[in-house]
N, C-alpha and C. Protein backbone atom coordinates (compact mmCIF):
# COMPACT_ATOMS: atom_id res chain seq x y z
N ASN A 1 8.61 12.03 -0.04
CA ASN A 1 7.83 10.95 -0.59
C ASN A 1 6.42 11.46 -0.88
N MET A 2 6.01 11.39 -2.11
CA MET A 2 4.70 11.91 -2.50
C MET A 2 3.56 11.21 -1.79
N ARG A 3 3.77 9.97 -1.39
CA ARG A 3 2.74 9.22 -0.67
C ARG A 3 2.26 9.99 0.55
N CYS A 4 3.18 10.64 1.24
CA CYS A 4 2.83 11.41 2.44
C CYS A 4 1.89 12.56 2.10
N PHE A 5 2.22 13.31 1.06
CA PHE A 5 1.39 14.44 0.64
C PHE A 5 0.03 13.96 0.14
N GLU A 6 0.03 12.88 -0.61
CA GLU A 6 -1.23 12.35 -1.14
C GLU A 6 -2.14 11.85 -0.03
N THR A 7 -1.57 11.16 0.94
CA THR A 7 -2.36 10.64 2.06
C THR A 7 -2.99 11.77 2.84
N MET A 8 -2.17 12.75 3.22
CA MET A 8 -2.68 13.87 4.00
C MET A 8 -3.62 14.73 3.18
N GLY A 9 -3.32 14.91 1.90
CA GLY A 9 -4.19 15.69 1.03
C GLY A 9 -5.56 15.07 0.88
N ALA A 10 -5.64 13.76 1.01
CA ALA A 10 -6.92 13.06 0.93
C ALA A 10 -7.66 13.04 2.26
N GLY A 11 -7.01 13.54 3.32
CA GLY A 11 -7.65 13.56 4.64
C GLY A 11 -7.54 12.26 5.40
N ALA A 12 -6.71 11.36 4.91
CA ALA A 12 -6.51 10.08 5.60
C ALA A 12 -5.40 10.22 6.63
N LEU A 13 -5.39 9.34 7.60
CA LEU A 13 -4.34 9.34 8.62
C LEU A 13 -3.05 8.81 8.01
N LEU A 14 -1.99 9.59 8.10
CA LEU A 14 -0.67 9.16 7.65
C LEU A 14 0.06 8.54 8.82
N ILE A 15 0.44 7.28 8.68
CA ILE A 15 1.29 6.59 9.65
C ILE A 15 2.55 6.20 8.91
N SER A 16 3.69 6.72 9.37
CA SER A 16 4.93 6.52 8.64
C SER A 16 6.09 6.36 9.61
N ASP A 17 7.20 5.85 9.09
CA ASP A 17 8.39 5.70 9.91
C ASP A 17 8.96 7.07 10.26
N SER A 18 9.70 7.13 11.36
CA SER A 18 10.26 8.41 11.79
C SER A 18 11.32 8.86 10.79
N GLY A 19 11.47 10.14 10.68
CA GLY A 19 12.43 10.71 9.74
C GLY A 19 12.27 12.20 9.67
N ASN A 20 12.86 12.78 8.67
CA ASN A 20 12.76 14.23 8.45
C ASN A 20 11.58 14.51 7.53
N TYR A 21 10.64 15.28 8.03
CA TYR A 21 9.45 15.62 7.27
C TYR A 21 9.31 17.14 7.21
N PRO A 22 8.61 17.66 6.20
CA PRO A 22 8.36 19.10 6.14
C PRO A 22 7.57 19.57 7.36
N ALA A 23 7.64 20.85 7.62
CA ALA A 23 7.03 21.45 8.82
C ALA A 23 5.57 21.07 9.06
N PRO A 24 4.71 20.98 8.04
CA PRO A 24 3.31 20.65 8.33
C PRO A 24 3.10 19.22 8.83
N MET A 25 4.11 18.39 8.72
CA MET A 25 3.98 16.99 9.12
C MET A 25 4.56 16.81 10.52
N ARG A 26 3.65 16.82 11.52
CA ARG A 26 4.06 16.77 12.92
C ARG A 26 3.44 15.56 13.61
N ASP A 27 4.28 14.78 14.24
CA ASP A 27 3.83 13.57 14.93
C ASP A 27 2.81 13.90 16.00
N GLY A 28 1.70 13.18 15.96
CA GLY A 28 0.65 13.35 16.96
C GLY A 28 -0.29 14.50 16.68
N GLU A 29 0.04 15.34 15.71
CA GLU A 29 -0.82 16.47 15.36
C GLU A 29 -1.42 16.31 13.97
N THR A 30 -0.56 16.05 12.99
CA THR A 30 -1.03 15.92 11.61
C THR A 30 -0.66 14.57 10.99
N MET A 31 0.07 13.76 11.73
CA MET A 31 0.47 12.42 11.28
C MET A 31 0.90 11.62 12.51
N VAL A 32 1.16 10.36 12.32
CA VAL A 32 1.64 9.49 13.40
C VAL A 32 2.89 8.77 12.89
N VAL A 33 3.95 8.78 13.70
CA VAL A 33 5.17 8.10 13.30
C VAL A 33 5.47 6.95 14.25
N TYR A 34 6.23 6.01 13.75
CA TYR A 34 6.71 4.89 14.55
C TYR A 34 8.22 4.79 14.36
N GLU A 35 8.89 4.25 15.37
CA GLU A 35 10.35 4.14 15.33
C GLU A 35 10.80 2.85 14.64
N GLN A 36 10.20 1.74 15.02
CA GLN A 36 10.57 0.43 14.50
C GLN A 36 9.39 -0.16 13.72
N PRO A 37 9.65 -0.90 12.65
CA PRO A 37 8.55 -1.47 11.87
C PRO A 37 7.55 -2.26 12.72
N GLN A 38 8.03 -2.97 13.73
CA GLN A 38 7.12 -3.76 14.56
C GLN A 38 6.20 -2.88 15.41
N ASP A 39 6.51 -1.59 15.54
CA ASP A 39 5.68 -0.67 16.30
C ASP A 39 4.51 -0.11 15.48
N ALA A 40 4.55 -0.28 14.18
CA ALA A 40 3.53 0.30 13.31
C ALA A 40 2.14 -0.20 13.67
N LEU A 41 1.99 -1.50 13.87
CA LEU A 41 0.68 -2.05 14.20
C LEU A 41 0.17 -1.49 15.52
N ASP A 42 1.04 -1.32 16.51
CA ASP A 42 0.64 -0.74 17.79
C ASP A 42 0.11 0.68 17.60
N ARG A 43 0.80 1.46 16.78
CA ARG A 43 0.36 2.85 16.55
C ARG A 43 -0.99 2.88 15.83
N ILE A 44 -1.20 1.96 14.90
CA ILE A 44 -2.49 1.88 14.20
C ILE A 44 -3.59 1.52 15.18
N GLU A 45 -3.34 0.52 16.01
CA GLU A 45 -4.35 0.10 16.99
C GLU A 45 -4.65 1.22 17.98
N GLN A 46 -3.63 1.96 18.41
CA GLN A 46 -3.84 3.09 19.32
C GLN A 46 -4.78 4.12 18.69
N GLN A 47 -4.56 4.42 17.43
CA GLN A 47 -5.40 5.41 16.75
C GLN A 47 -6.83 4.91 16.60
N LEU A 48 -7.00 3.66 16.28
CA LEU A 48 -8.35 3.11 16.13
C LEU A 48 -9.06 3.06 17.47
N ASP A 49 -8.36 2.66 18.52
CA ASP A 49 -8.96 2.55 19.85
C ASP A 49 -9.33 3.92 20.43
N SER A 50 -8.48 4.90 20.22
CA SER A 50 -8.72 6.23 20.81
C SER A 50 -9.66 7.07 19.97
N GLY A 51 -9.81 6.73 18.71
CA GLY A 51 -10.67 7.50 17.83
C GLY A 51 -10.04 8.78 17.31
N THR A 52 -8.76 8.99 17.58
CA THR A 52 -8.11 10.22 17.15
C THR A 52 -7.65 10.18 15.69
N TRP A 53 -7.75 9.02 15.06
CA TRP A 53 -7.29 8.90 13.67
C TRP A 53 -7.99 9.89 12.75
N ASP A 54 -9.28 10.09 12.96
CA ASP A 54 -10.04 10.99 12.10
C ASP A 54 -9.63 12.45 12.33
N GLU A 55 -9.48 12.82 13.58
CA GLU A 55 -9.07 14.19 13.93
C GLU A 55 -7.68 14.51 13.36
N ILE A 56 -6.75 13.59 13.52
CA ILE A 56 -5.39 13.80 13.00
C ILE A 56 -5.41 13.83 11.47
N GLY A 57 -6.21 12.97 10.86
CA GLY A 57 -6.33 12.98 9.40
C GLY A 57 -6.86 14.31 8.88
N ARG A 58 -7.87 14.85 9.55
CA ARG A 58 -8.43 16.15 9.14
C ARG A 58 -7.42 17.27 9.36
N ALA A 59 -6.69 17.21 10.48
CA ALA A 59 -5.67 18.22 10.76
C ALA A 59 -4.56 18.17 9.70
N GLY A 60 -4.19 16.97 9.30
CA GLY A 60 -3.19 16.82 8.25
C GLY A 60 -3.66 17.40 6.93
N ASN A 61 -4.92 17.16 6.62
CA ASN A 61 -5.49 17.70 5.39
C ASN A 61 -5.48 19.23 5.41
N ARG A 62 -5.89 19.82 6.53
CA ARG A 62 -5.86 21.28 6.65
C ARG A 62 -4.44 21.83 6.49
N ALA A 63 -3.49 21.16 7.15
CA ALA A 63 -2.10 21.63 7.10
C ALA A 63 -1.56 21.60 5.67
N ILE A 64 -1.84 20.54 4.94
CA ILE A 64 -1.36 20.44 3.56
C ILE A 64 -2.04 21.48 2.68
N ARG A 65 -3.34 21.64 2.85
CA ARG A 65 -4.07 22.62 2.03
C ARG A 65 -3.60 24.04 2.30
N GLU A 66 -3.29 24.35 3.55
CA GLU A 66 -2.82 25.70 3.88
C GLU A 66 -1.39 25.92 3.40
N GLU A 67 -0.51 24.99 3.70
CA GLU A 67 0.91 25.17 3.40
C GLU A 67 1.22 25.07 1.91
N TYR A 68 0.47 24.27 1.19
CA TYR A 68 0.78 24.02 -0.22
C TYR A 68 -0.31 24.48 -1.17
N SER A 69 -1.13 25.41 -0.74
CA SER A 69 -2.17 25.95 -1.62
C SER A 69 -1.53 26.71 -2.78
N LYS A 70 -2.29 26.89 -3.84
CA LYS A 70 -1.78 27.66 -4.99
C LYS A 70 -1.40 29.07 -4.55
N LYS A 71 -2.23 29.66 -3.68
CA LYS A 71 -1.95 31.01 -3.20
C LYS A 71 -0.62 31.06 -2.45
N ARG A 72 -0.42 30.10 -1.57
CA ARG A 72 0.83 30.06 -0.79
C ARG A 72 2.04 29.81 -1.69
N GLN A 73 1.89 28.95 -2.67
CA GLN A 73 2.98 28.69 -3.60
C GLN A 73 3.32 29.94 -4.41
N PHE A 74 2.30 30.70 -4.80
CA PHE A 74 2.54 31.93 -5.55
C PHE A 74 3.24 32.96 -4.66
N GLU A 75 2.85 33.06 -3.41
CA GLU A 75 3.52 33.97 -2.48
C GLU A 75 5.00 33.62 -2.35
N ARG A 76 5.29 32.36 -2.25
CA ARG A 76 6.69 31.92 -2.17
C ARG A 76 7.45 32.26 -3.45
N PHE A 77 6.79 32.07 -4.56
CA PHE A 77 7.40 32.40 -5.84
C PHE A 77 7.77 33.89 -5.89
N LEU A 78 6.84 34.74 -5.46
CA LEU A 78 7.09 36.18 -5.47
C LEU A 78 8.24 36.56 -4.54
N GLU A 79 8.41 35.83 -3.47
CA GLU A 79 9.53 36.09 -2.56
C GLU A 79 10.87 35.80 -3.23
N LEU A 80 10.86 34.87 -4.15
CA LEU A 80 12.10 34.47 -4.83
C LEU A 80 12.49 35.42 -5.96
N VAL A 81 11.50 36.02 -6.60
CA VAL A 81 11.82 36.87 -7.76
C VAL A 81 11.86 38.34 -7.42
């Protein structure tokens, strides 16, 4: 889902339902996941209360920029050809 990449690329905190995500998207490190829809508000409140939302958002931004940079994409391309 492009929303995930866009959110993290903008440095905002990504809060999303649990599922299969690419390696840079790690719960509690670069994003926050919830199991049930009714848990989403609790996870948001936890992040606001603890103040970790900004730290996780910045970590997510770094992870996306490192993993999906033009340089990294070109390196992957060269591995394929």
